[in-house]
PDB file of N, CA and C in Angstrom:
ATOM      1  N   MET A   1      33.881 -74.776  50.139  1.00  0.00           N
ATOM      2  CA  MET A   1      34.177 -73.940  48.987  1.00  0.00           C
ATOM      3  C   MET A   1      33.286 -72.698  49.014  1.00  0.00           C
ATOM      4  N   GLN A   2      33.889 -71.564  48.782  1.00  0.00           N
ATOM      5  CA  GLN A   2      33.162 -70.307  48.821  1.00  0.00           C
ATOM      6  C   GLN A   2      32.386 -70.090  47.527  1.00  0.00           C
ATOM      7  N   LYS A   3      31.180 -69.582  47.673  1.00  0.00           N
ATOM      8  CA  LYS A   3      30.321 -69.285  46.525  1.00  0.00           C
ATOM      9  C   LYS A   3      30.892 -68.101  45.740  1.00  0.00           C
ATOM     10  N   LYS A   4      30.887 -68.201  44.413  1.00  0.00           N
ATOM     11  CA  LYS A   4      31.360 -67.110  43.561  1.00  0.00           C
ATOM     12  C   LYS A   4      30.361 -65.951  43.604  1.00  0.00           C
ATOM     13  N   ARG A   5      30.903 -64.728  43.604  1.00  0.00           N
ATOM     14  CA  ARG A   5      30.046 -63.539  43.545  1.00  0.00           C
ATOM     15  C   ARG A   5      29.326 -63.503  42.202  1.00  0.00           C
ATOM     16  N   LYS A   6      28.066 -63.171  42.255  1.00  0.00           N
ATOM     17  CA  LYS A   6      27.252 -63.092  41.047  1.00  0.00           C
ATOM     18  C   LYS A   6      27.216 -61.630  40.590  1.00  0.00           C
ATOM     19  N   ILE A   7      27.795 -61.367  39.412  1.00  0.00           N
ATOM     20  CA  ILE A   7      27.891 -60.002  38.903  1.00  0.00           C
ATOM     21  C   ILE A   7      27.180 -59.899  37.555  1.00  0.00           C
ATOM     22  N   LEU A   8      26.352 -58.871  37.437  1.00  0.00           N
ATOM     23  CA  LEU A   8      25.661 -58.571  36.184  1.00  0.00           C
ATOM     24  C   LEU A   8      26.294 -57.321  35.588  1.00  0.00           C
ATOM     25  N   HIS A   9      26.757 -57.427  34.346  1.00  0.00           N
ATOM     26  CA  HIS A   9      27.283 -56.284  33.610  1.00  0.00           C
ATOM     27  C   HIS A   9      26.231 -55.867  32.592  1.00  0.00           C
ATOM     28  N   ILE A  10      25.830 -54.607  32.650  1.00  0.00           N
ATOM     29  CA  ILE A  10      24.860 -54.071  31.698  1.00  0.00           C
ATOM     30  C   ILE A  10      25.624 -53.187  30.727  1.00  0.00           C
ATOM     31  N   LEU A  11      25.634 -53.588  29.470  1.00  0.00           N
ATOM     32  CA  LEU A  11      26.371 -52.850  28.436  1.00  0.00           C
ATOM     33  C   LEU A  11      25.402 -52.032  27.587  1.00  0.00           C
ATOM     34  N   LYS A  12      25.717 -50.739  27.399  1.00  0.00           N
ATOM     35  CA  LYS A  12      24.859 -49.832  26.637  1.00  0.00           C
ATOM     36  C   LYS A  12      25.478 -49.368  25.328  1.00  0.00           C
ATOM     37  N   ASP A  13      26.812 -49.445  25.210  1.00  0.00           N
ATOM     38  CA  ASP A  13      27.509 -48.852  24.067  1.00  0.00           C
ATOM     39  C   ASP A  13      28.323 -49.915  23.328  1.00  0.00           C
ATOM     40  N   ALA A  14      27.926 -50.222  22.123  1.00  0.00           N
ATOM     41  CA  ALA A  14      28.606 -51.259  21.334  1.00  0.00           C
ATOM     42  C   ALA A  14      30.014 -50.843  20.908  1.00  0.00           C
ATOM     43  N   ALA A  15      30.294 -49.556  20.876  1.00  0.00           N
ATOM     44  CA  ALA A  15      31.585 -49.076  20.398  1.00  0.00           C
ATOM     45  C   ALA A  15      32.685 -49.137  21.463  1.00  0.00           C
ATOM     46  N   ASP A  16      32.325 -49.353  22.710  1.00  0.00           N
ATOM     47  CA  ASP A  16      33.298 -49.353  23.807  1.00  0.00           C
ATOM     48  C   ASP A  16      33.758 -50.780  24.103  1.00  0.00           C
ATOM     49  N   ALA A  17      34.997 -51.109  23.745  1.00  0.00           N
ATOM     50  CA  ALA A  17      35.531 -52.469  23.942  1.00  0.00           C
ATOM     51  C   ALA A  17      36.085 -52.694  25.347  1.00  0.00           C
ATOM     52  N   TYR A  18      36.351 -51.624  26.084  1.00  0.00           N
ATOM     53  CA  TYR A  18      36.963 -51.750  27.414  1.00  0.00           C
ATOM     54  C   TYR A  18      36.149 -52.625  28.380  1.00  0.00           C
ATOM     55  N   PRO A  19      34.827 -52.469  28.452  1.00  0.00           N
ATOM     56  CA  PRO A  19      34.079 -53.323  29.386  1.00  0.00           C
ATOM     57  C   PRO A  19      34.288 -54.814  29.143  1.00  0.00           C
ATOM     58  N   LEU A  20      34.366 -55.229  27.884  1.00  0.00           N
ATOM     59  CA  LEU A  20      34.568 -56.652  27.595  1.00  0.00           C
ATOM     60  C   LEU A  20      35.931 -57.131  28.080  1.00  0.00           C
ATOM     61  N   GLU A  21      36.946 -56.286  28.014  1.00  0.00           N
ATOM     62  CA  GLU A  21      38.264 -56.638  28.535  1.00  0.00           C
ATOM     63  C   GLU A  21      38.186 -56.887  30.043  1.00  0.00           C
ATOM     64  N   VAL A  22      37.525 -55.997  30.746  1.00  0.00           N
ATOM     65  CA  VAL A  22      37.376 -56.134  32.198  1.00  0.00           C
ATOM     66  C   VAL A  22      36.562 -57.376  32.543  1.00  0.00           C
ATOM     67  N   ILE A  23      35.494 -57.586  31.823  1.00  0.00           N
ATOM     68  CA  ILE A  23      34.618 -58.735  32.076  1.00  0.00           C
ATOM     69  C   ILE A  23      35.387 -60.033  31.882  1.00  0.00           C
ATOM     70  N   ARG A  24      36.143 -60.147  30.828  1.00  0.00           N
ATOM     71  CA  ARG A  24      36.915 -61.372  30.569  1.00  0.00           C
ATOM     72  C   ARG A  24      37.959 -61.636  31.657  1.00  0.00           C
ATOM     73  N   LYS A  25      38.568 -60.584  32.188  1.00  0.00           N
ATOM     74  CA  LYS A  25      39.580 -60.749  33.230  1.00  0.00           C
ATOM     75  C   LYS A  25      38.985 -61.221  34.556  1.00  0.00           C
ATOM     76  N   THR A  26      37.739 -60.892  34.812  1.00  0.00           N
ATOM     77  CA  THR A  26      37.103 -61.289  36.071  1.00  0.00           C
ATOM     78  C   THR A  26      36.236 -62.529  35.939  1.00  0.00           C
ATOM     79  N   ALA A  27      36.128 -63.077  34.735  1.00  0.00           N
ATOM     80  CA  ALA A  27      35.229 -64.210  34.495  1.00  0.00           C
ATOM     81  C   ALA A  27      35.600 -65.453  35.292  1.00  0.00           C
ATOM     82  N   VAL A  28      36.862 -65.644  35.584  1.00  0.00           N
ATOM     83  CA  VAL A  28      37.301 -66.845  36.289  1.00  0.00           C
ATOM     84  C   VAL A  28      36.878 -66.814  37.755  1.00  0.00           C
ATOM     85  N   SER A  29      36.939 -65.658  38.364  1.00  0.00           N
ATOM     86  CA  SER A  29      36.694 -65.562  39.799  1.00  0.00           C
ATOM     87  C   SER A  29      35.244 -65.245  40.163  1.00  0.00           C
ATOM     88  N   CYS A  30      34.395 -64.958  39.188  1.00  0.00           N
ATOM     89  CA  CYS A  30      33.011 -64.571  39.459  1.00  0.00           C
ATOM     90  C   CYS A  30      32.037 -65.304  38.545  1.00  0.00           C
ATOM     91  N   ASP A  31      30.791 -65.345  38.981  1.00  0.00           N
ATOM     92  CA  ASP A  31      29.697 -65.864  38.163  1.00  0.00           C
ATOM     93  C   ASP A  31      29.124 -64.661  37.412  1.00  0.00           C
ATOM     94  N   LEU A  32      29.476 -64.530  36.134  1.00  0.00           N
ATOM     95  CA  LEU A  32      29.134 -63.332  35.374  1.00  0.00           C
ATOM     96  C   LEU A  32      27.984 -63.544  34.401  1.00  0.00           C
ATOM     97  N   SER A  33      27.198 -62.487  34.259  1.00  0.00           N
ATOM     98  CA  SER A  33      26.179 -62.404  33.222  1.00  0.00           C
ATOM     99  C   SER A  33      26.293 -61.036  32.572  1.00  0.00           C
ATOM    100  N   ILE A  34      25.892 -60.962  31.309  1.00  0.00           N
ATOM    101  CA  ILE A  34      25.902 -59.706  30.566  1.00  0.00           C
ATOM    102  C   ILE A  34      24.490 -59.454  30.056  1.00  0.00           C
ATOM    103  N   LEU A  35      24.041 -58.217  30.212  1.00  0.00           N
ATOM    104  CA  LEU A  35      22.769 -57.785  29.648  1.00  0.00           C
ATOM    105  C   LEU A  35      23.065 -56.663  28.661  1.00  0.00           C
ATOM    106  N   LEU A  36      22.682 -56.860  27.413  1.00  0.00           N
ATOM    107  CA  LEU A  36      22.893 -55.865  26.360  1.00  0.00           C
ATOM    108  C   LEU A  36      21.634 -55.024  26.207  1.00  0.00           C
ATOM    109  N   ILE A  37      21.808 -53.690  26.291  1.00  0.00           N
ATOM    110  CA  ILE A  37      20.679 -52.779  26.136  1.00  0.00           C
ATOM    111  C   ILE A  37      21.067 -51.646  25.187  1.00  0.00           C
ATOM    112  N   GLN A  38      20.096 -50.869  24.800  1.00  0.00           N
ATOM    113  CA  GLN A  38      20.271 -49.681  23.963  1.00  0.00           C
ATOM    114  C   GLN A  38      21.131 -49.981  22.736  1.00  0.00           C
ATOM    115  N   GLU A  39      22.243 -49.256  22.555  1.00  0.00           N
ATOM    116  CA  GLU A  39      23.071 -49.407  21.361  1.00  0.00           C
ATOM    117  C   GLU A  39      23.889 -50.702  21.348  1.00  0.00           C
ATOM    118  N   ALA A  40      23.937 -51.408  22.449  1.00  0.00           N
ATOM    119  CA  ALA A  40      24.762 -52.619  22.535  1.00  0.00           C
ATOM    120  C   ALA A  40      24.010 -53.903  22.183  1.00  0.00           C
ATOM    121  N   VAL A  41      22.721 -53.810  21.865  1.00  0.00           N
ATOM    122  CA  VAL A  41      21.930 -55.034  21.674  1.00  0.00           C
ATOM    123  C   VAL A  41      22.410 -55.925  20.532  1.00  0.00           C
ATOM    124  N   HIS A  42      23.132 -55.385  19.581  1.00  0.00           N
ATOM    125  CA  HIS A  42      23.607 -56.200  18.464  1.00  0.00           C
ATOM    126  C   HIS A  42      25.117 -56.420  18.502  1.00  0.00           C
ATOM    127  N   MET A  43      25.705 -56.317  19.704  1.00  0.00           N
ATOM    128  CA  MET A  43      27.143 -56.568  19.855  1.00  0.00           C
ATOM    129  C   MET A  43      27.461 -58.031  19.575  1.00  0.00           C
ATOM    130  N   ASN A  44      28.653 -58.255  19.092  1.00  0.00           N
ATOM    131  CA  ASN A  44      29.164 -59.604  18.905  1.00  0.00           C
ATOM    132  C   ASN A  44      30.076 -59.904  20.094  1.00  0.00           C
ATOM    133  N   ILE A  45      29.722 -60.913  20.878  1.00  0.00           N
ATOM    134  CA  ILE A  45      30.526 -61.283  22.045  1.00  0.00           C
ATOM    135  C   ILE A  45      30.904 -62.755  21.897  1.00  0.00           C
ATOM    136  N   PRO A  46      32.061 -63.018  21.288  1.00  0.00           N
ATOM    137  CA  PRO A  46      32.465 -64.410  21.071  1.00  0.00           C
ATOM    138  C   PRO A  46      33.079 -65.042  22.316  1.00  0.00           C
ATOM    139  N   LYS A  47      32.864 -66.324  22.467  1.00  0.00           N
ATOM    140  CA  LYS A  47      33.525 -67.152  23.480  1.00  0.00           C
ATOM    141  C   LYS A  47      33.469 -66.575  24.890  1.00  0.00           C
ATOM    142  N   PHE A  48      32.279 -66.290  25.362  1.00  0.00           N
ATOM    143  CA  PHE A  48      32.094 -65.821  26.727  1.00  0.00           C
ATOM    144  C   PHE A  48      31.475 -66.941  27.540  1.00  0.00           C
ATOM    145  N   GLN A  49      32.102 -67.271  28.665  1.00  0.00           N
ATOM    146  CA  GLN A  49      31.571 -68.329  29.522  1.00  0.00           C
ATOM    147  C   GLN A  49      30.691 -67.712  30.594  1.00  0.00           C
ATOM    148  N   GLY A  50      29.446 -67.575  30.269  1.00  0.00           N
ATOM    149  CA  GLY A  50      28.458 -66.978  31.160  1.00  0.00           C
ATOM    150  C   GLY A  50      27.179 -66.768  30.369  1.00  0.00           C
ATOM    151  N   ASN A  51      26.218 -66.172  31.011  1.00  0.00           N
ATOM    152  CA  ASN A  51      24.936 -65.908  30.357  1.00  0.00           C
ATOM    153  C   ASN A  51      24.961 -64.537  29.700  1.00  0.00           C
ATOM    154  N   ILE A  52      24.432 -64.486  28.492  1.00  0.00           N
ATOM    155  CA  ILE A  52      24.300 -63.207  27.793  1.00  0.00           C
ATOM    156  C   ILE A  52      22.829 -63.029  27.440  1.00  0.00           C
ATOM    157  N   PHE A  53      22.294 -61.888  27.861  1.00  0.00           N
ATOM    158  CA  PHE A  53      20.901 -61.564  27.602  1.00  0.00           C
ATOM    159  C   PHE A  53      20.840 -60.278  26.793  1.00  0.00           C
ATOM    160  N   VAL A  54      19.740 -60.086  26.084  1.00  0.00           N
ATOM    161  CA  VAL A  54      19.525 -58.865  25.313  1.00  0.00           C
ATOM    162  C   VAL A  54      18.115 -58.370  25.620  1.00  0.00           C
ATOM    163  N   LEU A  55      17.984 -57.058  25.847  1.00  0.00           N
ATOM    164  CA  LEU A  55      16.687 -56.484  26.183  1.00  0.00           C
ATOM    165  C   LEU A  55      15.820 -56.420  24.926  1.00  0.00           C
ATOM    166  N   SER A  56      14.717 -57.145  24.944  1.00  0.00           N
ATOM    167  CA  SER A  56      13.870 -57.280  23.750  1.00  0.00           C
ATOM    168  C   SER A  56      13.301 -55.943  23.271  1.00  0.00           C
ATOM    169  N   GLU A  57      13.013 -55.031  24.181  1.00  0.00           N
ATOM    170  CA  GLU A  57      12.452 -53.736  23.802  1.00  0.00           C
ATOM    171  C   GLU A  57      13.428 -52.885  22.993  1.00  0.00           C
ATOM    172  N   ASP A  58      14.723 -53.168  23.105  1.00  0.00           N
ATOM    173  CA  ASP A  58      15.721 -52.398  22.365  1.00  0.00           C
ATOM    174  C   ASP A  58      16.147 -53.067  21.054  1.00  0.00           C
ATOM    175  N   LEU A  59      15.688 -54.272  20.810  1.00  0.00           N
ATOM    176  CA  LEU A  59      16.069 -54.983  19.589  1.00  0.00           C
ATOM    177  C   LEU A  59      15.381 -54.413  18.361  1.00  0.00           C
ATOM    178  N   ASN A  60      16.106 -54.395  17.258  1.00  0.00           N
ATOM    179  CA  ASN A  60      15.527 -54.061  15.964  1.00  0.00           C
ATOM    180  C   ASN A  60      14.787 -55.309  15.490  1.00  0.00           C
ATOM    181  N   PRO A  61      13.476 -55.211  15.217  1.00  0.00           N
ATOM    182  CA  PRO A  61      12.721 -56.403  14.829  1.00  0.00           C
ATOM    183  C   PRO A  61      13.211 -57.065  13.539  1.00  0.00           C
ATOM    184  N   LYS A  62      13.994 -56.355  12.738  1.00  0.00           N
ATOM    185  CA  LYS A  62      14.492 -56.917  11.485  1.00  0.00           C
ATOM    186  C   LYS A  62      15.795 -57.681  11.661  1.00  0.00           C
ATOM    187  N   LYS A  63      16.412 -57.572  12.845  1.00  0.00           N
ATOM    188  CA  LYS A  63      17.672 -58.266  13.108  1.00  0.00           C
ATOM    189  C   LYS A  63      17.478 -59.317  14.184  1.00  0.00           C
ATOM    190  N   GLN A  64      18.136 -60.446  14.017  1.00  0.00           N
ATOM    191  CA  GLN A  64      18.100 -61.518  15.005  1.00  0.00           C
ATOM    192  C   GLN A  64      19.261 -61.353  15.972  1.00  0.00           C
ATOM    193  N   SER A  65      19.082 -61.822  17.185  1.00  0.00           N
ATOM    194  CA  SER A  65      20.162 -61.835  18.159  1.00  0.00           C
ATOM    195  C   SER A  65      20.451 -63.282  18.530  1.00  0.00           C
ATOM    196  N   PRO A  66      21.724 -63.646  18.662  1.00  0.00           N
ATOM    197  CA  PRO A  66      22.054 -65.019  19.076  1.00  0.00           C
ATOM    198  C   PRO A  66      21.871 -65.228  20.584  1.00  0.00           C
ATOM    199  N   PHE A  67      21.539 -64.161  21.306  1.00  0.00           N
ATOM    200  CA  PHE A  67      21.431 -64.236  22.758  1.00  0.00           C
ATOM    201  C   PHE A  67      19.976 -64.298  23.211  1.00  0.00           C
ATOM    202  N   GLN A  68      19.781 -64.747  24.434  1.00  0.00           N
ATOM    203  CA  GLN A  68      18.430 -64.872  24.981  1.00  0.00           C
ATOM    204  C   GLN A  68      17.800 -63.496  25.164  1.00  0.00           C
ATOM    205  N   SER A  69      16.633 -63.310  24.590  1.00  0.00           N
ATOM    206  CA  SER A  69      15.903 -62.053  24.676  1.00  0.00           C
ATOM    207  C   SER A  69      15.077 -62.027  25.959  1.00  0.00           C
ATOM    208  N   VAL A  70      15.154 -60.902  26.700  1.00  0.00           N
ATOM    209  CA  VAL A  70      14.396 -60.760  27.947  1.00  0.00           C
ATOM    210  C   VAL A  70      13.684 -59.417  27.953  1.00  0.00           C
ATOM    211  N   GLY A  71      12.605 -59.343  28.705  1.00  0.00           N
ATOM    212  CA  GLY A  71      11.862 -58.098  28.861  1.00  0.00           C
ATOM    213  C   GLY A  71      12.278 -57.380  30.138  1.00  0.00           C
ATOM    214  N   TYR A  72      11.578 -56.299  30.438  1.00  0.00           N
ATOM    215  CA  TYR A  72      11.920 -55.497  31.604  1.00  0.00           C
ATOM    216  C   TYR A  72      11.763 -56.278  32.915  1.00  0.00           C
ATOM    217  N   GLN A  73      10.748 -57.132  33.005  1.00  0.00           N
ATOM    218  CA  GLN A  73      10.537 -57.912  34.231  1.00  0.00           C
ATOM    219  C   GLN A  73      11.739 -58.819  34.517  1.00  0.00           C
ATOM    220  N   LYS A  74      12.204 -59.528  33.499  1.00  0.00           N
ATOM    221  CA  LYS A  74      13.373 -60.400  33.669  1.00  0.00           C
ATOM    222  C   LYS A  74      14.626 -59.572  33.948  1.00  0.00           C
ATOM    223  N   MET A  75      14.735 -58.388  33.337  1.00  0.00           N
ATOM    224  CA  MET A  75      15.868 -57.513  33.602  1.00  0.00           C
ATOM    225  C   MET A  75      15.923 -57.162  35.092  1.00  0.00           C
ATOM    226  N   LEU A  76      14.794 -56.835  35.663  1.00  0.00           N
ATOM    227  CA  LEU A  76      14.748 -56.527  37.095  1.00  0.00           C
ATOM    228  C   LEU A  76      15.120 -57.741  37.940  1.00  0.00           C
ATOM    229  N   GLU A  77      14.661 -58.913  37.554  1.00  0.00           N
ATOM    230  CA  GLU A  77      15.022 -60.143  38.279  1.00  0.00           C
ATOM    231  C   GLU A  77      16.538 -60.355  38.245  1.00  0.00           C
ATOM    232  N   LEU A  78      17.141 -60.171  37.077  1.00  0.00           N
ATOM    233  CA  LEU A  78      18.596 -60.326  36.954  1.00  0.00           C
ATOM    234  C   LEU A  78      19.331 -59.345  37.869  1.00  0.00           C
ATOM    235  N   ILE A  79      18.844 -58.119  37.922  1.00  0.00           N
ATOM    236  CA  ILE A  79      19.471 -57.098  38.764  1.00  0.00           C
ATOM    237  C   ILE A  79      19.384 -57.487  40.236  1.00  0.00           C
ATOM    238  N   PHE A  80      18.207 -57.874  40.693  1.00  0.00           N
ATOM    239  CA  PHE A  80      18.031 -58.176  42.108  1.00  0.00           C
ATOM    240  C   PHE A  80      18.617 -59.523  42.529  1.00  0.00           C
ATOM    241  N   GLU A  81      18.853 -60.427  41.598  1.00  0.00           N
ATOM    242  CA  GLU A  81      19.497 -61.717  41.902  1.00  0.00           C
ATOM    243  C   GLU A  81      21.015 -61.579  42.005  1.00  0.00           C
ATOM    244  N   SER A  82      21.563 -60.497  41.512  1.00  0.00           N
ATOM    245  CA  SER A  82      23.015 -60.311  41.466  1.00  0.00           C
ATOM    246  C   SER A  82      23.542 -59.681  42.753  1.00  0.00           C
ATOM    247  N   ASP A  83      24.787 -60.050  43.090  1.00  0.00           N
ATOM    248  CA  ASP A  83      25.451 -59.422  44.230  1.00  0.00           C
ATOM    249  C   ASP A  83      25.912 -58.014  43.870  1.00  0.00           C
ATOM    250  N   SER A  84      26.305 -57.825  42.614  1.00  0.00           N
ATOM    251  CA  SER A  84      26.767 -56.517  42.124  1.00  0.00           C
ATOM    252  C   SER A  84      26.257 -56.320  40.702  1.00  0.00           C
ATOM    253  N   VAL A  85      25.999 -55.054  40.363  1.00  0.00           N
ATOM    254  CA  VAL A  85      25.589 -54.696  39.010  1.00  0.00           C
ATOM    255  C   VAL A  85      26.503 -53.564  38.546  1.00  0.00           C
ATOM    256  N   VAL A  86      27.094 -53.755  37.358  1.00  0.00           N
ATOM    257  CA  VAL A  86      27.978 -52.745  36.792  1.00  0.00           C
ATOM    258  C   VAL A  86      27.384 -52.305  35.458  1.00  0.00           C
ATOM    259  N   THR A  87      27.178 -51.007  35.317  1.00  0.00           N
ATOM    260  CA  THR A  87      26.633 -50.474  34.074  1.00  0.00           C
ATOM    261  C   THR A  87      27.726 -49.739  33.318  1.00  0.00           C
ATOM    262  N   TRP A  88      27.873 -50.091  32.064  1.00  0.00           N
ATOM    263  CA  TRP A  88      28.916 -49.498  31.208  1.00  0.00           C
ATOM    264  C   TRP A  88      28.265 -48.657  30.138  1.00  0.00           C
TER     265      TRP A  88
END
């Protein structure tokens, strides 16, 4: 059995729904993760089968995130562990 490609999607804009459409369509054939940064840190992403991370430096301290918070070091690890990185 062939190993699934590991793809990291980095989302910056909460107002753009197109990336989520693309991500959902490729979720079956790839091992996907999403990293939310900048304006996207408080996005609502329901029913996603994969890992969702949020950059802690971009979070508003008064708001909670349901996703795992990571720092810059972990962000770099996610990037270098992935076969492909797509920034939206």
